[in-house]
N, C-alpha and C. Protein backbone atom coordinates (compact mmCIF):
# COMPACT_ATOMS: atom_id res chain seq x y z
N UNK A 1 61.47 69.04 74.54
CA UNK A 1 61.95 70.28 74.80
C UNK A 1 63.47 70.45 73.62
N UNK A 2 64.38 69.84 74.21
CA UNK A 2 65.22 70.02 73.74
C UNK A 2 65.14 69.85 72.27
N UNK A 3 65.28 68.86 71.60
CA UNK A 3 64.80 68.46 70.48
C UNK A 3 64.49 69.45 69.76
N UNK A 4 63.15 69.90 70.34
CA UNK A 4 62.25 71.15 69.46
C UNK A 4 63.52 72.27 69.34
N UNK A 5 64.47 73.12 70.14
CA UNK A 5 65.55 73.80 70.19
C UNK A 5 66.52 73.50 69.36
N UNK A 6 66.87 72.38 68.98
CA UNK A 6 67.75 71.93 68.30
C UNK A 6 67.33 72.11 66.78
N UNK A 7 65.89 71.82 66.73
CA UNK A 7 65.26 71.32 65.30
C UNK A 7 65.63 73.43 65.05
N UNK A 8 64.83 73.96 65.82
CA UNK A 8 64.35 75.58 65.37
C UNK A 8 66.19 75.88 64.99
N UNK A 9 67.37 75.53 66.03
CA UNK A 9 68.24 76.05 65.44
C UNK A 9 68.85 75.69 63.77
N UNK A 10 68.36 74.39 63.48
CA UNK A 10 68.98 73.94 62.18
C UNK A 10 67.96 74.60 61.48
N UNK A 11 66.95 75.25 61.45
CA UNK A 11 65.91 75.84 60.91
C UNK A 11 66.56 77.00 60.89
N UNK A 12 67.04 77.76 62.04
CA UNK A 12 67.26 79.28 61.18
C UNK A 12 68.95 79.10 60.87
N UNK A 13 69.59 78.28 60.97
CA UNK A 13 70.48 78.12 60.42
C UNK A 13 70.49 78.18 58.68
N UNK A 14 70.18 77.19 58.24
CA UNK A 14 69.43 76.99 56.93
C UNK A 14 69.07 77.91 56.32
N UNK A 15 68.29 79.08 56.98
CA UNK A 15 67.68 80.46 56.59
C UNK A 15 68.17 81.45 56.33
N UNK A 16 69.56 81.51 57.27
CA UNK A 16 70.63 81.99 57.37
C UNK A 16 71.44 81.91 56.01
N UNK A 17 71.56 80.19 56.13
CA UNK A 17 72.49 80.34 54.58
C UNK A 17 71.80 80.90 53.36
N UNK A 18 70.40 80.25 52.95
CA UNK A 18 69.76 80.54 52.36
C UNK A 18 69.79 82.53 51.95
N UNK A 19 69.75 83.24 53.14
CA UNK A 19 70.08 84.41 52.82
C UNK A 19 71.35 84.67 52.38
N UNK A 20 72.09 84.43 52.87
CA UNK A 20 74.13 84.56 52.52
C UNK A 20 73.99 84.44 51.11
N UNK A 21 73.25 83.39 50.22
CA UNK A 21 73.14 82.83 49.09
C UNK A 21 72.17 84.05 47.84
N UNK A 22 70.91 84.53 48.54
CA UNK A 22 69.85 85.23 47.63
C UNK A 22 70.61 86.39 48.14
N UNK A 23 71.48 87.36 48.89
CA UNK A 23 71.57 88.26 48.79
C UNK A 23 72.23 88.89 47.95
N UNK A 24 73.77 87.94 47.68
CA UNK A 24 74.51 88.38 46.69
C UNK A 24 73.88 88.40 45.31
N UNK A 25 72.72 86.77 45.03
CA UNK A 25 72.73 87.28 43.76
C UNK A 25 71.46 88.18 43.53
N UNK A 26 70.79 88.77 44.40
CA UNK A 26 69.56 89.85 44.00
C UNK A 26 70.65 90.90 43.73
N UNK A 27 71.68 91.13 44.76
CA UNK A 27 72.52 92.62 44.79
C UNK A 27 72.77 92.63 43.12
N UNK A 28 73.40 91.51 42.49
CA UNK A 28 74.09 91.59 40.75
C UNK A 28 72.74 91.70 40.13
N UNK A 29 71.58 91.94 40.61
CA UNK A 29 70.54 91.89 39.76
C UNK A 29 70.18 93.66 39.73
């Protein structure tokens, strides 16, 4: 159970990082 929570947290962190990269690029266009 703890492993799945850790995995979910890692995935959410990756998604947030992708958003932080994608949003400024989109706003430039």
